[in-house]
Amino acid sequence: MTEIHTKTKTSFYRRIFLAYLIESGCNTPKAIVEATEMPRRTLQDTIKALSDLDIVCQAQGGTKAMHYTIESWGPIDKSWIQANLADIKNVLQYP
């Protein structure tokens, strides 16, 4: 039986997982879409929403060479994300 998760939980997990991917070097739109199977529009919206968690994400480069960097994690403990990565991916149904 598949567990149902709240929209709040999945939104939070999607944001912190995206920041984790960027920090880990999977930091181009193409690489992120391939890693998550996330639609490009969802990716753009999620990156914009990182600031709601006080995660500072900067876009660098032009349209063809766009990549992202995490400048600040704000109150988020990225070691917790690492320790719970399998559960986060399971909740999000990411490969």
C-alpha atoms as a PDB file:
ATOM      1  CA  MET A   1       0.000   0.000   0.000  1.00  0.00           C
ATOM      2  CA  THR A   2       1.326   3.421  -0.949  1.00  0.00           C
ATOM      3  CA  GLU A   3       1.460   5.938   1.865  1.00  0.00           C
ATOM      4  CA  ILE A   4      -0.162   9.295   1.107  1.00  0.00           C
ATOM      5  CA  HIS A   5       1.814  12.373   2.115  1.00  0.00           C
ATOM      6  CA  THR A   6       0.564  15.913   2.590  1.00  0.00           C
ATOM      7  CA  LYS A   7       1.209  18.614   0.035  1.00  0.00           C
ATOM      8  CA  THR A   8       3.129  20.522   2.717  1.00  0.00           C
ATOM      9  CA  LYS A   9       5.495  17.607   3.305  1.00  0.00           C
ATOM     10  CA  THR A  10       6.099  16.884  -0.362  1.00  0.00           C
ATOM     11  CA  SER A  11       6.656  20.570  -1.110  1.00  0.00           C
ATOM     12  CA  PHE A  12       9.170  20.886   1.737  1.00  0.00           C
ATOM     13  CA  TYR A  13      10.979  17.680   0.726  1.00  0.00           C
ATOM     14  CA  ARG A  14      11.068  18.752  -2.932  1.00  0.00           C
ATOM     15  CA  ARG A  15      12.709  22.043  -1.986  1.00  0.00           C
ATOM     16  CA  ILE A  16      15.344  20.611   0.327  1.00  0.00           C
ATOM     17  CA  PHE A  17      16.100  17.763  -2.089  1.00  0.00           C
ATOM     18  CA  LEU A  18      16.560  20.235  -4.928  1.00  0.00           C
ATOM     19  CA  ALA A  19      18.958  22.305  -2.814  1.00  0.00           C
ATOM     20  CA  TYR A  20      20.810  19.104  -1.900  1.00  0.00           C
ATOM     21  CA  LEU A  21      21.150  18.159  -5.579  1.00  0.00           C
ATOM     22  CA  ILE A  22      22.476  21.600  -6.458  1.00  0.00           C
ATOM     23  CA  GLU A  23      24.992  21.479  -3.601  1.00  0.00           C
ATOM     24  CA  SER A  24      26.059  17.989  -4.731  1.00  0.00           C
ATOM     25  CA  GLY A  25      26.947  19.180  -8.230  1.00  0.00           C
ATOM     26  CA  CYS A  26      23.737  18.241 -10.037  1.00  0.00           C
ATOM     27  CA  ASN A  27      23.222  21.933 -10.647  1.00  0.00           C
ATOM     28  CA  THR A  28      22.069  22.514 -14.230  1.00  0.00           C
ATOM     29  CA  PRO A  29      18.429  22.531 -15.278  1.00  0.00           C
ATOM     30  CA  LYS A  30      19.018  19.572 -17.607  1.00  0.00           C
ATOM     31  CA  ALA A  31      20.805  17.494 -14.942  1.00  0.00           C
ATOM     32  CA  ILE A  32      18.127  18.233 -12.333  1.00  0.00           C
ATOM     33  CA  VAL A  33      15.275  17.317 -14.704  1.00  0.00           C
ATOM     34  CA  GLU A  34      17.069  14.074 -15.587  1.00  0.00           C
ATOM     35  CA  ALA A  35      17.728  13.210 -11.923  1.00  0.00           C
ATOM     36  CA  THR A  36      14.201  13.932 -10.715  1.00  0.00           C
ATOM     37  CA  GLU A  37      11.991  13.600 -13.803  1.00  0.00           C
ATOM     38  CA  MET A  38      10.540  16.915 -12.590  1.00  0.00           C
ATOM     39  CA  PRO A  39       8.894  19.079 -15.265  1.00  0.00           C
ATOM     40  CA  ARG A  40      11.007  22.122 -16.101  1.00  0.00           C
ATOM     41  CA  ARG A  41       8.290  24.521 -14.920  1.00  0.00           C
ATOM     42  CA  THR A  42       8.112  22.742 -11.547  1.00  0.00           C
ATOM     43  CA  LEU A  43      11.900  23.050 -11.315  1.00  0.00           C
ATOM     44  CA  GLN A  44      11.735  26.789 -11.933  1.00  0.00           C
ATOM     45  CA  ASP A  45       8.930  27.248  -9.385  1.00  0.00           C
ATOM     46  CA  THR A  46      10.767  25.133  -6.800  1.00  0.00           C
ATOM     47  CA  ILE A  47      13.981  27.116  -7.199  1.00  0.00           C
ATOM     48  CA  LYS A  48      12.046  30.343  -6.700  1.00  0.00           C
ATOM     49  CA  ALA A  49      10.403  28.855  -3.584  1.00  0.00           C
ATOM     50  CA  LEU A  50      13.736  28.014  -1.913  1.00  0.00           C
ATOM     51  CA  SER A  51      13.812  31.548  -0.544  1.00  0.00           C
ATOM     52  CA  ASP A  52      10.659  30.733   1.478  1.00  0.00           C
ATOM     53  CA  LEU A  53      12.921  28.431   3.533  1.00  0.00           C
ATOM     54  CA  ASP A  54      15.703  31.054   3.671  1.00  0.00           C
ATOM     55  CA  ILE A  55      17.821  28.946   1.323  1.00  0.00           C
ATOM     56  CA  VAL A  56      19.761  31.313  -0.925  1.00  0.00           C
ATOM     57  CA  CYS A  57      20.146  29.900  -4.433  1.00  0.00           C
ATOM     58  CA  GLN A  58      21.918  31.839  -7.159  1.00  0.00           C
ATOM     59  CA  ALA A  59      21.570  31.263 -10.898  1.00  0.00           C
ATOM     60  CA  GLN A  60      24.759  31.791 -12.866  1.00  0.00           C
ATOM     61  CA  GLY A  61      25.636  31.693 -16.539  1.00  0.00           C
ATOM     62  CA  GLY A  62      23.505  32.334 -19.571  1.00  0.00           C
ATOM     63  CA  THR A  63      20.586  30.412 -20.989  1.00  0.00           C
ATOM     64  CA  LYS A  64      22.827  27.723 -22.518  1.00  0.00           C
ATOM     65  CA  ALA A  65      25.267  27.468 -19.581  1.00  0.00           C
ATOM     66  CA  MET A  66      22.867  28.037 -16.665  1.00  0.00           C
ATOM     67  CA  HIS A  67      23.813  26.491 -13.361  1.00  0.00           C
ATOM     68  CA  TYR A  68      22.832  27.066  -9.761  1.00  0.00           C
ATOM     69  CA  THR A  69      24.745  27.406  -6.513  1.00  0.00           C
ATOM     70  CA  ILE A  70      23.540  27.356  -2.923  1.00  0.00           C
ATOM     71  CA  GLU A  71      24.933  30.397  -1.143  1.00  0.00           C
ATOM     72  CA  SER A  72      23.266  29.756   2.225  1.00  0.00           C
ATOM     73  CA  TRP A  73      21.216  26.949   3.745  1.00  0.00           C
ATOM     74  CA  GLY A  74      19.507  29.267   6.236  1.00  0.00           C
ATOM     75  CA  PRO A  75      17.997  27.165   9.052  1.00  0.00           C
ATOM     76  CA  ILE A  76      18.137  23.879   7.108  1.00  0.00           C
ATOM     77  CA  ASP A  77      20.547  21.182   8.334  1.00  0.00           C
ATOM     78  CA  LYS A  78      21.917  19.620   5.166  1.00  0.00           C
ATOM     79  CA  SER A  79      23.389  16.709   7.145  1.00  0.00           C
ATOM     80  CA  TRP A  80      19.792  15.726   8.045  1.00  0.00           C
ATOM     81  CA  ILE A  81      18.964  15.620   4.337  1.00  0.00           C
ATOM     82  CA  GLN A  82      21.962  13.343   3.685  1.00  0.00           C
ATOM     83  CA  ALA A  83      20.947  11.031   6.535  1.00  0.00           C
ATOM     84  CA  ASN A  84      17.328  10.842   5.326  1.00  0.00           C
ATOM     85  CA  LEU A  85      17.906  10.872   1.579  1.00  0.00           C
ATOM     86  CA  ALA A  86      16.288   7.496   0.878  1.00  0.00           C
ATOM     87  CA  ASP A  87      13.093   8.488   2.728  1.00  0.00           C
ATOM     88  CA  ILE A  88      12.968  11.877   0.994  1.00  0.00           C
ATOM     89  CA  LYS A  89      13.303  10.255  -2.434  1.00  0.00           C
ATOM     90  CA  ASN A  90      10.664   7.682  -1.496  1.00  0.00           C
ATOM     91  CA  VAL A  91       8.161  10.354  -0.417  1.00  0.00           C
ATOM     92  CA  LEU A  92       8.786  12.265  -3.654  1.00  0.00           C
ATOM     93  CA  GLN A  93       8.750   9.059  -5.718  1.00  0.00           C
ATOM     94  CA  TYR A  94      12.059  10.046  -7.333  1.00  0.00           C
ATOM     95  CA  PRO A  95      14.377   7.447  -8.841  1.00  0.00           C
END
